Protein backbone atom coordinates (compact mmCIF):
# COMPACT_ATOMS: atom_id res chain seq x y z
CA MET A 1 1.90 -5.02 59.04
CA ILE A 2 2.69 -1.82 60.98
CA THR A 3 1.91 1.67 59.64
CA THR A 4 4.89 3.88 60.55
CA TYR A 5 3.91 7.10 58.76
CA GLY A 6 0.59 8.37 57.48
CA PHE A 7 -0.82 11.56 56.00
CA SER A 8 -4.07 12.39 54.23
CA ILE A 9 -5.62 15.51 52.73
CA ALA A 10 -8.64 16.29 50.56
CA THR A 11 -9.73 19.07 48.22
CA PRO A 12 -13.05 19.80 46.49
CA ASN A 13 -11.10 20.61 43.29
CA LYS A 14 -11.17 17.25 41.50
CA ASP A 15 -9.43 18.79 38.46
CA LEU A 16 -6.14 18.56 40.38
CA ARG A 17 -6.04 14.77 39.97
CA GLN A 18 -3.60 14.72 37.05
CA ALA A 19 -1.28 17.27 38.67
CA ALA A 20 -1.20 15.13 41.83
CA ILE A 21 -0.49 11.99 39.77
CA ASP A 22 2.38 13.81 38.05
CA ALA A 23 3.85 14.74 41.45
CA ILE A 24 3.67 11.10 42.60
CA PHE A 25 5.37 9.87 39.41
CA ARG A 26 8.14 12.47 39.84
CA TRP A 27 8.73 11.14 43.36
CA LEU A 28 8.74 7.56 42.08
CA ASP A 29 11.22 8.34 39.27
CA ASP A 30 13.55 10.16 41.69
CA VAL A 31 13.51 7.48 44.40
CA HIS A 32 13.20 4.39 42.17
CA PRO A 33 14.29 5.25 38.60
CA HIS A 34 12.72 2.90 36.10
CA GLU A 35 16.06 1.75 34.68
CA LYS A 36 17.32 0.76 38.15
CA ARG A 37 14.25 -1.15 39.35
CA THR A 38 14.70 -4.85 40.04
CA ASN A 39 12.37 -7.68 40.96
CA SER A 40 13.48 -7.28 44.58
CA THR A 41 11.83 -3.84 44.66
CA PRO A 42 8.35 -4.46 43.23
CA VAL A 43 6.38 -1.40 42.09
CA ASN A 44 2.63 -1.86 41.59
CA ILE A 45 0.73 0.90 39.79
CA ARG A 46 -3.03 1.17 39.35
CA HIS A 47 -3.70 3.88 36.81
CA SER A 48 -6.46 4.38 34.28
CA PRO A 49 -8.19 7.59 33.07
CA ASN A 50 -11.62 6.06 33.80
CA ASP A 51 -10.68 4.61 37.19
CA PRO A 52 -11.48 6.90 40.15
CA ILE A 53 -8.67 5.22 42.10
CA PHE A 54 -4.98 5.84 41.41
CA ARG A 55 -2.41 3.99 43.48
CA VAL A 56 1.36 3.44 43.55
CA ASP A 57 2.76 0.84 45.94
CA VAL A 58 6.51 0.30 46.36
CA LEU A 59 8.02 -2.49 48.47
CA GLU A 60 11.71 -2.58 49.42
CA GLN A 61 13.92 -4.25 52.01
CA ASP A 62 14.40 -2.13 55.12
CA PRO A 63 18.20 -2.14 55.68
CA ARG A 64 17.86 -1.64 59.44
CA GLN A 65 15.73 -4.66 60.29
CA ALA A 66 14.24 -7.90 59.00
CA ALA A 67 11.23 -6.31 57.40
CA ALA A 68 10.05 -4.97 54.06
CA ARG A 69 9.19 -1.30 53.89
CA GLY A 70 6.17 -0.32 51.85
CA THR A 71 5.28 3.14 50.57
CA THR A 72 1.76 3.58 49.20
CA ALA A 73 0.32 6.72 47.61
CA THR A 74 -3.42 6.68 46.81
CA LEU A 75 -5.68 9.18 45.05
CA ILE A 76 -9.44 8.67 45.15
CA VAL A 77 -11.99 10.74 43.27
CA SER A 78 -15.41 10.73 44.95
CA LYS A 79 -18.58 12.68 44.23
CA SER A 80 -17.50 15.58 46.41
CA GLU A 81 -13.70 15.60 46.64
CA LEU A 82 -10.25 14.44 45.60
CA TYR A 83 -8.64 12.48 48.46
CA PHE A 84 -4.89 11.84 48.82
CA ASP A 85 -3.50 9.23 51.19
CA LEU A 86 0.20 8.48 51.80
CA ARG A 87 1.39 5.65 54.04
CA ARG A 88 4.66 4.05 55.04
CA THR A 89 4.42 0.51 56.39
CA LEU A 90 6.66 -2.23 57.78
CA ARG A 91 5.89 -5.80 56.78
CA PRO A 92 7.84 -8.50 58.66
CA THR A 93 9.83 -10.93 56.50
CA LYS A 94 10.64 -13.39 59.32
CA ALA A 95 8.54 -15.29 61.82
CA ALA A 96 10.96 -14.34 64.62
CA LEU A 97 9.92 -11.73 67.17
CA LEU A 98 12.19 -8.81 66.38
CA PRO A 99 12.12 -5.15 67.46
CA ARG A 100 10.08 -2.97 65.12
CA ARG A 101 10.26 0.78 64.72
CA THR A 102 6.75 2.13 65.15
CA ILE A 103 7.20 5.63 63.70
CA ASP A 104 9.14 6.78 60.63
CA ARG A 105 10.07 10.41 60.14
CA PRO A 106 9.80 10.96 56.37
CA GLU A 107 13.03 11.32 54.42
CA PRO A 108 13.55 14.56 52.43
CA ARG A 109 12.20 13.31 49.07
CA LEU A 110 9.03 11.92 50.65
CA SER A 111 8.57 15.22 52.53
CA GLN A 112 8.97 17.02 49.21
CA LEU A 113 6.10 14.97 47.75
CA VAL A 114 3.92 15.85 50.75
CA ILE A 115 4.76 19.56 50.33
CA GLU A 116 3.91 19.42 46.61
CA ILE A 117 0.51 17.88 47.38
CA VAL A 118 -0.20 20.31 50.25
CA ASP A 119 0.72 23.34 48.10
CA LEU A 120 -1.29 21.95 45.19
CA PHE A 121 -4.48 21.27 47.17
CA LYS A 122 -4.43 24.57 49.15
CA THR A 123 -6.81 23.00 51.66
CA ARG A 124 -8.10 25.19 54.51
CA ASP A 125 -8.38 24.12 58.12
CA ALA A 126 -10.83 26.38 60.01
CA GLY A 127 -10.00 29.14 57.56
CA GLN A 128 -6.22 28.71 57.79
CA VAL A 129 -4.47 27.37 54.69
CA ILE A 130 -2.58 24.15 55.49
CA SER A 131 1.07 24.95 54.79
CA PRO A 132 4.57 23.56 55.50
CA LYS A 133 5.64 27.03 56.67
CA ILE A 134 5.85 28.30 60.25
CA ILE A 135 3.19 30.76 61.40
CA ILE A 136 4.87 33.77 63.06
CA ALA A 137 3.10 35.77 65.77
CA ASN A 138 5.16 38.84 66.72
CA ASP A 139 2.63 41.44 67.87
CA GLN A 140 -0.69 41.75 69.70
CA LEU A 141 -2.87 41.24 66.62
CA THR A 142 -1.09 38.11 65.36
CA GLY A 143 -1.01 36.70 68.91
CA GLN A 144 -4.78 37.16 69.21
CA SER A 145 -5.34 35.72 65.72
CA LEU A 146 -3.38 32.59 66.63
CA ALA A 147 -5.40 32.20 69.85
CA ALA A 148 -8.66 32.57 67.92
CA PHE A 149 -7.49 29.93 65.44
CA ALA A 150 -6.63 27.63 68.35
CA GLU A 151 -10.18 28.03 69.66
CA ALA A 152 -11.86 27.48 66.26
CA PRO A 153 -14.46 24.69 66.65
CA GLY A 154 -13.98 23.33 63.13
CA ARG A 155 -10.20 22.94 63.33
CA ARG A 156 -9.01 19.44 62.31
CA LEU A 157 -5.22 19.61 62.76
CA PRO A 158 -3.26 20.26 66.00
CA ILE A 159 -1.17 23.40 66.44
CA VAL A 160 2.42 23.22 67.71
CA ILE A 161 3.26 26.50 69.46
CA GLU A 162 6.75 27.43 70.65
CA THR A 163 7.62 30.73 72.34
CA ILE A 164 11.06 31.55 70.98
CA VAL A 165 11.58 34.84 72.87
CA GLY A 166 14.87 34.75 74.81
CA LYS A 167 15.92 31.39 73.42
CA PRO A 168 19.33 31.01 71.75
CA ARG A 169 17.85 28.43 69.39
CA ALA A 170 14.31 27.31 68.67
CA ILE A 171 13.58 23.60 69.20
CA THR A 172 11.07 23.52 66.34
CA ASN A 173 12.22 24.90 63.02
CA SER A 174 11.50 24.83 59.29
CA HIS A 175 12.58 21.17 59.16
CA THR A 176 10.00 20.35 61.85
CA ALA A 177 7.29 22.18 59.89
CA ILE A 178 8.20 20.31 56.69
CA GLN A 179 8.08 16.90 58.40
CA LEU A 180 4.69 17.78 59.91
CA ALA A 181 3.26 19.20 56.68
CA GLY A 182 -0.42 18.29 56.48
CA ILE A 183 -0.24 16.77 59.98
CA ALA A 184 0.05 19.87 62.20
CA HIS A 185 0.35 23.64 62.04
CA VAL A 186 3.63 24.95 63.52
CA ALA A 187 3.68 28.43 65.06
CA HIS A 188 6.33 30.59 66.74
CA ILE A 189 5.55 33.28 69.29
CA ALA A 190 8.25 35.87 68.61
CA SER A 191 7.50 38.57 71.20
CA HIS A 192 6.30 38.96 74.77
CA VAL A 193 3.40 41.10 73.49
CA ALA A 194 2.21 38.27 71.23
CA GLU A 195 2.56 35.76 74.10
CA GLU A 196 0.49 37.92 76.47
CA ALA A 197 -2.14 38.55 73.78
CA PHE A 198 -2.48 34.82 73.10
CA ASN A 199 -2.80 33.81 76.77
CA SER A 200 -5.17 36.68 77.49
CA LEU A 201 -7.58 35.78 74.68
CA HIS A 202 -7.35 32.09 75.53
CA GLY A 203 -8.12 32.83 79.18
CA ALA A 204 -5.22 30.83 80.64
CA ARG A 205 -1.41 30.68 80.44
CA ILE A 206 -0.90 27.71 78.14
CA ILE A 207 2.14 28.91 76.18
CA SER A 208 5.56 29.74 77.58
CA SER A 209 9.21 29.68 76.59
CA SER A 210 9.67 26.86 79.14
CA TRP A 211 7.82 24.31 77.03
CA ILE A 212 6.31 23.59 73.62
CA THR A 213 2.52 23.53 73.54
CA VAL A 214 0.39 21.28 71.35
CA VAL A 215 -3.16 22.57 71.08
CA TRP A 216 -5.12 19.58 69.88
CA PRO A 217 -8.45 20.01 68.06
CA PRO A 218 -11.50 20.58 70.30
CA GLY A 219 -12.20 17.59 72.50
CA ALA A 220 -8.61 16.92 73.60
CA GLU A 221 -6.57 18.57 76.37
CA VAL A 222 -3.67 20.89 75.63
CA GLU A 223 -0.34 19.04 75.94
CA ASN A 224 3.10 20.38 76.88
CA PHE A 225 6.48 19.00 75.78
CA HIS A 226 9.66 19.79 77.75
CA GLN A 227 12.23 17.92 75.62
CA GLN A 228 15.33 19.63 74.24
CA ASP A 229 14.66 18.41 70.70
CA ASP A 230 11.60 17.84 68.53
CA ASP A 231 11.92 14.05 68.11
CA GLU A 232 9.28 12.87 70.58
CA LEU A 233 6.95 15.71 69.56
CA VAL A 234 7.15 14.86 65.86
CA LYS A 235 6.74 11.14 66.44
CA GLN A 236 3.68 11.62 68.63
CA LEU A 237 2.03 13.85 66.02
CA ILE A 238 2.80 11.37 63.23
CA ALA A 239 1.32 8.61 65.41
CA ALA A 240 -1.84 10.70 65.83
CA SER A 241 -2.00 11.21 62.06
CA ILE A 242 -1.69 7.45 61.51
CA GLY A 243 -4.53 6.87 63.95
CA SER A 244 -6.81 9.22 62.03
CA LEU A 245 -6.30 7.55 58.63
CA ALA A 246 -9.37 6.10 56.99
CA THR A 247 -9.56 2.37 56.32
CA LEU A 248 -9.04 2.04 52.57
CA VAL A 249 -10.90 -0.92 51.05
CA LEU A 250 -10.53 -0.37 47.33
CA ALA A 251 -12.89 -1.87 44.79
CA PRO A 252 -11.28 -3.50 41.72
CA PRO A 253 -11.14 -1.45 38.50
CA LYS A 254 -14.45 -1.14 36.62
CA LYS A 255 -13.20 -3.20 33.67
CA ARG A 256 -12.45 -6.14 35.95
CA VAL A 257 -15.85 -5.80 37.66
CA ILE A 258 -17.67 -5.80 34.28
CA GLU A 259 -15.76 -8.90 33.18
CA GLN A 260 -16.64 -10.68 36.43
CA VAL A 261 -20.32 -9.74 36.04
CA LYS A 262 -20.36 -11.05 32.45
CA LYS A 263 -18.83 -14.35 33.57
CA SER A 264 -21.41 -14.71 36.32
CA GLU A 265 -24.42 -13.97 34.05
CA PRO A 266 -26.53 -17.08 33.36
CA THR A 267 -26.55 -18.36 29.81
CA SER A 268 -30.26 -19.02 30.01
CA GLN A 269 -32.67 -16.11 30.07
CA THR A 270 -35.52 -18.18 31.45
CA ALA A 271 -34.77 -17.48 35.13
CA GLU A 272 -36.80 -14.70 36.62
CA PRO A 273 -34.77 -11.92 38.34
CA ALA A 274 -34.88 -12.27 42.10
CA GLN A 275 -36.34 -9.58 44.28
CA ASN A 276 -33.54 -8.64 46.68
CA SER A 277 -34.72 -7.40 50.04
CA ALA A 278 -32.92 -4.68 51.97
CA ILE A 279 -31.53 -7.30 54.37
CA GLU A 280 -30.15 -9.43 51.52
CA LEU A 281 -28.59 -6.35 49.90
CA GLU A 282 -26.87 -5.40 53.16
CA GLU A 283 -25.60 -8.97 53.53
CA LEU A 284 -24.18 -8.87 50.00
CA ARG A 285 -22.43 -5.58 50.78
CA LYS A 286 -20.91 -7.11 53.89
CA ILE A 287 -19.69 -10.14 51.94
CA ASN A 288 -18.28 -7.88 49.23
CA HIS A 289 -16.41 -5.82 51.86
CA GLU A 290 -14.92 -8.98 53.39
CA LEU A 291 -13.86 -10.26 49.98
CA LEU A 292 -12.18 -6.95 49.14
CA GLU A 293 -10.25 -7.06 52.42
CA GLU A 294 -9.24 -10.66 51.77
CA ASN A 295 -8.16 -9.78 48.24
CA ALA A 296 -6.05 -6.89 49.54
CA GLY A 297 -4.35 -9.22 52.03
CA LEU A 298 -3.66 -11.83 49.36
CA LEU A 299 -2.20 -9.19 47.05
CA GLU A 300 0.03 -7.89 49.82
CA ASN A 301 1.27 -11.40 50.68
CA ALA A 302 1.86 -12.19 47.01
CA THR A 303 3.86 -8.98 46.52
CA LEU A 304 5.96 -9.65 49.61
CA THR A 305 6.58 -13.27 48.53
CA PHE A 306 7.57 -12.09 45.05
CA MET A 307 10.02 -9.56 46.52
CA LEU A 308 11.65 -12.14 48.82
CA SER A 309 11.89 -14.69 45.98
CA ALA A 310 13.54 -12.09 43.76
CA GLN A 311 16.03 -11.27 46.52
CA LYS A 312 16.90 -14.96 46.88
CA ALA A 313 17.35 -15.26 43.12
CA GLU A 314 19.66 -12.22 43.06
CA GLU A 315 21.69 -13.63 45.95
CA ARG A 316 21.99 -16.96 44.12
CA ASP A 317 23.15 -15.23 40.93
CA ARG A 318 25.73 -13.22 42.85
CA ALA A 319 26.98 -16.40 44.52
CA TYR A 320 27.38 -18.03 41.08
CA ASP A 321 29.29 -14.97 39.84
CA GLN A 322 31.59 -15.07 42.87
CA LEU A 323 32.21 -18.78 42.37
CA ALA A 324 33.01 -18.23 38.69
CA THR A 325 35.46 -15.49 39.63
CA PHE A 326 37.25 -17.70 42.15
CA LEU A 327 37.45 -20.54 39.61
CA LEU A 328 38.95 -18.16 37.06
CA MET A 329 41.41 -16.91 39.67
CA ASP A 330 42.42 -20.52 40.30
CA GLU A 331 42.95 -21.25 36.59
CA ASP A 332 44.67 -17.97 35.68
CA LYS A 333 47.24 -17.06 38.33
CA SER A 334 47.54 -13.49 37.00
CA TYR A 335 43.79 -12.74 37.05
CA LEU A 336 42.98 -9.83 39.41
CA ASP A 337 46.57 -9.80 40.57
CA LYS A 338 46.71 -6.00 40.72
CA VAL A 339 44.93 -4.43 43.69
CA ALA A 340 43.56 -1.71 41.40
CA ASP A 341 41.94 -4.34 39.13
CA ALA A 342 40.54 -6.25 42.11
CA VAL A 343 38.94 -3.12 43.60
CA ALA A 344 37.48 -2.07 40.25
CA TYR A 345 36.01 -5.55 39.80
CA ALA A 346 34.67 -5.57 43.36
CA GLN A 347 33.02 -2.17 42.88
CA LYS A 348 31.16 -3.55 39.88
CA ASN A 349 30.04 -6.84 41.41
CA LEU A 350 29.83 -6.52 45.20
CA VAL A 351 26.53 -4.66 45.51
CA ASN A 352 26.33 -4.59 49.31
CA LEU A 353 29.44 -2.43 49.61
CA VAL A 354 29.75 1.26 48.80
CA PHE A 355 33.12 2.24 47.34
CA HIS A 356 34.22 5.77 48.21
CA ASN A 357 36.20 7.66 45.57
CA ARG A 358 39.20 7.64 47.86
CA ALA A 359 39.21 3.83 47.90
CA ILE A 360 39.45 3.73 44.10
CA GLU A 361 42.19 6.40 44.02
CA SER A 362 44.24 4.76 46.78
CA ALA A 363 44.00 1.34 45.09
CA ASN A 364 45.13 2.83 41.76
CA ASN A 365 48.08 4.57 43.43
CA SER A 366 49.19 1.60 45.54
CA HIS A 367 50.72 -0.48 42.69
CA LEU A 368 50.34 -3.53 44.96
CA MET A 369 50.12 -7.02 43.45
CA ASN A 370 48.06 -8.98 46.01
CA GLY A 371 44.70 -8.13 44.49
CA ARG A 372 43.37 -11.68 44.72
CA ARG A 373 43.70 -11.66 48.51
CA VAL A 374 42.13 -8.19 48.70
CA TYR A 375 39.21 -9.32 46.54
CA SER A 376 38.63 -12.45 48.66
CA ASN A 377 38.38 -10.30 51.79
CA LEU A 378 36.04 -7.87 50.06
CA VAL A 379 33.78 -10.79 49.08
CA GLU A 380 33.58 -11.92 52.72
CA LEU A 381 32.88 -8.35 53.85
CA ASN A 382 30.19 -8.03 51.17
CA ASN A 383 28.48 -11.20 52.43
CA LEU A 384 28.51 -9.87 55.99
CA ALA A 385 27.10 -6.54 54.78
CA ALA A 386 24.26 -8.41 53.05
CA ARG A 387 23.38 -10.20 56.30
CA LEU A 388 23.53 -6.92 58.20
CA GLN A 389 21.19 -5.20 55.74
CA ARG A 390 18.76 -8.15 55.84
CA GLY A 391 18.56 -7.78 59.61
CA ASP A 392 20.20 -11.15 60.43
CA PHE A 393 22.03 -9.43 63.30
CA ALA A 394 22.03 -6.05 65.02
CA PRO A 395 24.32 -3.23 63.81
CA ASN A 396 26.14 -3.01 67.15
CA VAL A 397 27.53 -6.55 66.77
CA PHE A 398 28.72 -6.16 63.16
CA ASN A 399 32.38 -5.91 64.21
CA ILE A 400 32.04 -9.11 66.26
CA TYR A 401 30.85 -10.98 63.15
CA CYS A 402 33.69 -9.42 61.14
CA ASN A 403 36.18 -10.64 63.73
CA GLN A 404 34.77 -14.17 63.46
CA GLN A 405 34.61 -14.33 59.65
CA LEU A 406 37.58 -12.22 58.52
CA SER A 407 41.15 -13.15 59.25
CA ASN A 408 43.43 -10.28 60.30
CA PHE A 409 40.50 -7.97 61.11
CA ALA A 410 40.88 -5.05 63.52
CA ALA A 411 37.85 -3.14 64.78
CA SER A 412 39.70 0.15 65.29
CA ILE A 413 43.00 1.98 64.99
CA SER A 414 45.52 2.96 67.67
CA ASP A 415 45.02 6.09 69.80
CA GLU A 416 48.18 7.58 68.31
CA ALA A 417 46.93 7.03 64.77
CA GLU A 418 43.59 8.64 65.65
CA ASN A 419 45.16 11.61 67.45
CA ARG A 420 48.16 12.31 65.21
CA TYR A 421 47.14 11.03 61.78
CA ALA A 422 43.35 11.30 61.76
CA GLN A 423 43.42 12.94 58.32
CA ASP A 424 44.84 9.70 56.85
CA TYR A 425 41.75 7.77 57.95
CA ALA A 426 39.12 10.47 57.28
CA ILE A 427 36.65 10.58 54.40
CA GLU A 428 33.78 12.92 53.68
CA TRP A 429 30.54 10.95 53.87
CA LYS A 430 27.19 12.67 53.28
CA GLY A 431 28.66 16.06 54.15
CA VAL A 432 30.38 14.92 57.37
CA ASN A 433 34.01 13.93 58.00
CA VAL A 434 34.17 10.41 59.46
CA LEU A 435 37.04 8.08 60.36
CA ALA A 436 37.33 4.67 58.70
CA LYS A 437 38.67 2.79 61.73
CA PRO A 438 37.76 -0.89 61.11
CA HIS A 439 40.27 -2.48 58.75
CA ILE A 440 41.47 -5.77 57.29
CA ARG A 441 45.15 -6.61 56.90
CA CYS A 442 45.91 -8.26 53.54
CA GLY A 443 49.70 -8.66 53.51
CA ASP A 444 51.08 -5.30 52.43
CA ALA A 445 47.59 -3.96 51.72
CA ARG A 446 44.97 -2.58 54.09
CA ILE A 447 41.20 -2.30 53.59
CA HIS A 448 39.65 0.44 55.75
CA PHE A 449 35.88 0.84 55.89
CA TYR A 450 33.22 2.89 57.65
CA HIS A 451 29.92 1.54 58.99
CA ASP A 452 27.07 4.07 58.64
CA THR A 453 24.85 2.89 61.49
CA THR A 454 21.96 5.10 60.32
CA THR A 455 21.55 3.30 56.99
CA ASN A 456 23.72 0.20 57.62
CA GLU A 457 25.84 1.01 54.58
CA ILE A 458 29.38 -0.39 54.62
CA VAL A 459 31.63 2.17 52.92
CA ILE A 460 35.02 1.07 51.60
CA ALA A 461 37.13 4.14 52.36
CA TYR A 462 40.70 3.10 51.59
CA VAL A 463 42.51 0.22 49.90
CA GLY A 464 46.27 0.51 49.76
CA ARG A 465 49.49 0.46 51.70
CA HIS A 466 49.68 0.68 55.50
CA LEU A 467 48.58 4.11 56.74
CA ARG A 468 50.60 6.00 59.33
CA ASP A 469 50.33 4.95 62.97
CA LYS A 470 52.66 4.29 65.90
CA SER A 471 54.32 1.39 64.06
CA THR A 472 55.35 3.60 61.13
CA ASN A 473 57.00 6.39 63.15
């Protein structure tokens, strides 16, 4: 198991426990609505008013590689504080040695959960409130204040400082600050006066518009980054946050402990209670710690096995449905004859494909009658998409597999079609116009799709008659 994102924060205000739990449940309902959860996405929740530990653990297939992605949010109430811990992990689902991403930048909804917790806890770091907002130093006083904060001996989090004077565009921005919420403070030096005041109070020139400075907590050297984007910077800070996470070995709920103690009590009261020495007590604690770790590993393996079994069961059920459809097509020669009917049926049953609105509209307007052939090709494409999303092969060779498995497949369109008729092949996908170049020829019909290499989604963009290109001039 590899931890790819980690963040923790604590507050002495233990009354915030329920508000933090509510924030976690809102995240869970937004990302994994209860009515859409399946056995292939197991959600384990530990929650009881009398239990000092609250935990939500979600396991899902990572579409970009052969691994399961786990997200775990934990709240622990101790004698002195309320502790929040959020982790993202990768758990391999194959024995093969495959490339693994080591760092995950949090997606927007996970960042929103972090921001809610950070704003709720209002934790201070060397007097400075931890916040997802950028600290702005634009005069002598704020420049000196930032330098004093950088020198504070009790500071726990690093400070990312960028001098933005004279730059057309800052490399770090509000998005950077949000992704580093609770992991680092982000500051902008917005004037030469503030820059001079900072360096003067610090006693050396450590900040400049030529680089981004990371002032680590006392005990580590200042580090400079010269990249033209914030990717390496953010990933290194997340990696540092992961390295600082505490090892969580969670005791079972009190009710379970009491039941175990009752079962282990002797039925006879004649035995005299043993006098446990300090050495024996320490040995028992060590054994208990090892058992808890072993139990956690067994639970993790059981959850992963359950998820993979559920995925296999779903794949088997889909295969049965596809077989039943083909048998019905063989018996009833008019079944799914219309392309519009075939696409509507495919949208409902082929879960590894995403059907763009334009695909539905174009199929409805085509009035073509070779729907059975279109559906057969969509089934093959759906099966390839499932293998892609399981990580059976790399995204960059998807078209090669399509060429092997799909008859009449073309990986792109002609230069003339792209240059003169690009609007025919364009769809809006996640706010960006993209071209659906790969296509399958099905007699008079064409299936055009787009491969989102970021998420490995296969988007059906168009199903209908031949689009304009050099052959239709």
